[in-house]
């Protein structure tokens, strides 16, 4: 039971972290794009 629960948490955190890094990459990309346009 505990293993199954921790596995679910690991999958959740992996998902959250991948989402965060994805958002960071996009925001970085947008800021670079804006600075080059100006």
PDB file of N, CA and C in Angstrom:
ATOM      1  N   UNK A   1       0.830  -1.204   0.000  1.00  0.00           N
ATOM      2  CA  UNK A   1       0.000   0.000   0.000  1.00  0.00           C
ATOM      3  C   UNK A   1       0.873   1.266   0.000  1.00  0.00           C
ATOM      4  N   UNK A   2       1.877   1.290   0.857  1.00  0.00           N
ATOM      5  CA  UNK A   2       2.739   2.473   0.925  1.00  0.00           C
ATOM      6  C   UNK A   2       3.505   2.680  -0.370  1.00  0.00           C
ATOM      7  N   UNK A   3       3.972   1.574  -0.946  1.00  0.00           N
ATOM      8  CA  UNK A   3       4.720   1.684  -2.198  1.00  0.00           C
ATOM      9  C   UNK A   3       3.853   2.304  -3.291  1.00  0.00           C
ATOM     10  N   UNK A   4       2.624   1.836  -3.370  1.00  0.00           N
ATOM     11  CA  UNK A   4       1.711   2.336  -4.392  1.00  0.00           C
ATOM     12  C   UNK A   4       1.454   3.838  -4.203  1.00  0.00           C
ATOM     13  N   UNK A   5       1.329   4.245  -2.951  1.00  0.00           N
ATOM     14  CA  UNK A   5       1.076   5.651  -2.648  1.00  0.00           C
ATOM     15  C   UNK A   5       2.281   6.513  -3.031  1.00  0.00           C
ATOM     16  N   UNK A   6       3.472   6.069  -2.664  1.00  0.00           N
ATOM     17  CA  UNK A   6       4.674   6.841  -2.972  1.00  0.00           C
ATOM     18  C   UNK A   6       4.921   6.882  -4.476  1.00  0.00           C
ATOM     19  N   UNK A   7       4.591   5.797  -5.160  1.00  0.00           N
ATOM     20  CA  UNK A   7       4.742   5.782  -6.618  1.00  0.00           C
ATOM     21  C   UNK A   7       3.838   6.827  -7.255  1.00  0.00           C
ATOM     22  N   UNK A   8       2.643   6.940  -6.712  1.00  0.00           N
ATOM     23  CA  UNK A   8       1.695   7.931  -7.220  1.00  0.00           C
ATOM     24  C   UNK A   8       2.225   9.340  -6.974  1.00  0.00           C
ATOM     25  N   UNK A   9       2.815   9.555  -5.790  1.00  0.00           N
ATOM     26  CA  UNK A   9       3.386  10.855  -5.467  1.00  0.00           C
ATOM     27  C   UNK A   9       4.566  11.177  -6.378  1.00  0.00           C
ATOM     28  N   UNK A  10       5.420  10.192  -6.623  1.00  0.00           N
ATOM     29  CA  UNK A  10       6.564  10.399  -7.511  1.00  0.00           C
ATOM     30  C   UNK A  10       6.097  10.817  -8.897  1.00  0.00           C
ATOM     31  N   UNK A  11       5.090  10.138  -9.396  1.00  0.00           N
ATOM     32  CA  UNK A  11       4.557  10.465 -10.719  1.00  0.00           C
ATOM     33  C   UNK A  11       3.978  11.876 -10.726  1.00  0.00           C
ATOM     34  N   UNK A  12       3.299  12.230  -9.641  1.00  0.00           N
ATOM     35  CA  UNK A  12       2.706  13.565  -9.520  1.00  0.00           C
ATOM     36  C   UNK A  12       3.781  14.639  -9.521  1.00  0.00           C
ATOM     37  N   UNK A  13       4.843  14.442  -8.720  1.00  0.00           N
ATOM     38  CA  UNK A  13       5.906  15.437  -8.641  1.00  0.00           C
ATOM     39  C   UNK A  13       6.684  15.533  -9.942  1.00  0.00           C
ATOM     40  N   UNK A  14       6.878  14.388 -10.605  1.00  0.00           N
ATOM     41  CA  UNK A  14       7.549  14.409 -11.902  1.00  0.00           C
ATOM     42  C   UNK A  14       6.739  15.255 -12.881  1.00  0.00           C
ATOM     43  N   UNK A  15       5.426  15.094 -12.844  1.00  0.00           N
ATOM     44  CA  UNK A  15       4.533  15.868 -13.706  1.00  0.00           C
ATOM     45  C   UNK A  15       4.606  17.356 -13.372  1.00  0.00           C
ATOM     46  N   UNK A  16       4.543  17.676 -12.089  1.00  0.00           N
ATOM     47  CA  UNK A  16       4.576  19.073 -11.648  1.00  0.00           C
ATOM     48  C   UNK A  16       5.893  19.734 -12.055  1.00  0.00           C
ATOM     49  N   UNK A  17       7.004  19.041 -11.821  1.00  0.00           N
ATOM     50  CA  UNK A  17       8.307  19.601 -12.162  1.00  0.00           C
ATOM     51  C   UNK A  17       8.454  19.814 -13.661  1.00  0.00           C
ATOM     52  N   UNK A  18       7.980  18.855 -14.446  1.00  0.00           N
ATOM     53  CA  UNK A  18       8.075  19.006 -15.899  1.00  0.00           C
ATOM     54  C   UNK A  18       7.220  20.178 -16.374  1.00  0.00           C
ATOM     55  N   UNK A  19       6.063  20.366 -15.749  1.00  0.00           N
ATOM     56  CA  UNK A  19       5.212  21.502 -16.086  1.00  0.00           C
ATOM     57  C   UNK A  19       5.907  22.818 -15.742  1.00  0.00           C
ATOM     58  N   UNK A  20       6.544  22.870 -14.568  1.00  0.00           N
ATOM     59  CA  UNK A  20       7.224  24.085 -14.135  1.00  0.00           C
ATOM     60  C   UNK A  20       8.370  24.447 -15.066  1.00  0.00           C
ATOM     61  N   UNK A  21       9.194  23.460 -15.420  1.00  0.00           N
ATOM     62  CA  UNK A  21      10.321  23.732 -16.311  1.00  0.00           C
ATOM     63  C   UNK A  21       9.817  24.174 -17.676  1.00  0.00           C
ATOM     64  N   UNK A  22       8.718  23.580 -18.127  1.00  0.00           N
ATOM     65  CA  UNK A  22       8.122  23.955 -19.406  1.00  0.00           C
ATOM     66  C   UNK A  22       7.666  25.412 -19.373  1.00  0.00           C
ATOM     67  N   UNK A  23       6.997  25.813 -18.285  1.00  0.00           N
ATOM     68  CA  UNK A  23       6.533  27.191 -18.130  1.00  0.00           C
ATOM     69  C   UNK A  23       7.716  28.156 -18.095  1.00  0.00           C
ATOM     70  N   UNK A  24       8.785  27.778 -17.384  1.00  0.00           N
ATOM     71  CA  UNK A  24       9.969  28.621 -17.301  1.00  0.00           C
ATOM     72  C   UNK A  24      10.601  28.821 -18.666  1.00  0.00           C
ATOM     73  N   UNK A  25      10.706  27.739 -19.436  1.00  0.00           N
ATOM     74  CA  UNK A  25      11.282  27.825 -20.778  1.00  0.00           C
ATOM     75  C   UNK A  25      10.473  28.768 -21.652  1.00  0.00           C
ATOM     76  N   UNK A  26       9.158  28.672 -21.556  1.00  0.00           N
ATOM     77  CA  UNK A  26       8.283  29.521 -22.368  1.00  0.00           C
ATOM     78  C   UNK A  26       8.419  30.988 -21.960  1.00  0.00           C
ATOM     79  N   UNK A  27       8.425  31.268 -20.671  1.00  0.00           N
ATOM     80  CA  UNK A  27       8.540  32.653 -20.209  1.00  0.00           C
ATOM     81  C   UNK A  27       9.899  33.235 -20.587  1.00  0.00           C
ATOM     82  N   UNK A  28      10.955  32.420 -20.490  1.00  0.00           N
ATOM     83  CA  UNK A  28      12.290  32.858 -20.898  1.00  0.00           C
ATOM     84  C   UNK A  28      12.300  33.171 -22.386  1.00  0.00           C
ATOM     85  N   UNK A  29      11.709  32.278 -23.168  1.00  0.00           N
ATOM     86  CA  UNK A  29      11.650  32.449 -24.612  1.00  0.00           C
ATOM     87  C   UNK A  29      10.919  33.737 -24.966  1.00  0.00           C
ATOM     88  N   UNK A  30       9.803  34.017 -24.281  1.00  0.00           N
ATOM     89  CA  UNK A  30       9.023  35.217 -24.554  1.00  0.00           C
ATOM     90  C   UNK A  30       9.805  36.476 -24.193  1.00  0.00           C
ATOM     91  N   UNK A  31      10.503  36.466 -23.073  1.00  0.00           N
ATOM     92  CA  UNK A  31      11.263  37.646 -22.658  1.00  0.00           C
ATOM     93  C   UNK A  31      12.407  37.918 -23.632  1.00  0.00           C
ATOM     94  N   UNK A  32      13.052  36.855 -24.124  1.00  0.00           N
ATOM     95  CA  UNK A  32      14.121  37.010 -25.112  1.00  0.00           C
ATOM     96  C   UNK A  32      13.537  37.573 -26.406  1.00  0.00           C
ATOM     97  N   UNK A  33      12.386  37.049 -26.799  1.00  0.00           N
ATOM     98  CA  UNK A  33      11.725  37.501 -28.018  1.00  0.00           C
ATOM     99  C   UNK A  33      11.372  38.984 -27.910  1.00  0.00           C
ATOM    100  N   UNK A  34      10.848  39.404 -26.767  1.00  0.00           N
ATOM    101  CA  UNK A  34      10.459  40.800 -26.572  1.00  0.00           C
ATOM    102  C   UNK A  34      11.675  41.723 -26.595  1.00  0.00           C
ATOM    103  N   UNK A  35      12.755  41.318 -25.945  1.00  0.00           N
ATOM    104  CA  UNK A  35      13.946  42.167 -25.882  1.00  0.00           C
ATOM    105  C   UNK A  35      14.576  42.331 -27.264  1.00  0.00           C
ATOM    106  N   UNK A  36      14.490  41.305 -28.111  1.00  0.00           N
ATOM    107  CA  UNK A  36      15.051  41.413 -29.452  1.00  0.00           C
ATOM    108  C   UNK A  36      14.157  42.264 -30.348  1.00  0.00           C
ATOM    109  N   UNK A  37      12.861  42.253 -30.100  1.00  0.00           N
ATOM    110  CA  UNK A  37      11.929  43.044 -30.907  1.00  0.00           C
ATOM    111  C   UNK A  37      12.069  44.534 -30.627  1.00  0.00           C
ATOM    112  N   UNK A  38      12.396  44.893 -29.393  1.00  0.00           N
ATOM    113  CA  UNK A  38      12.490  46.308 -29.025  1.00  0.00           C
ATOM    114  C   UNK A  38      13.661  47.004 -29.689  1.00  0.00           C
TER     115      UNK A  38
END
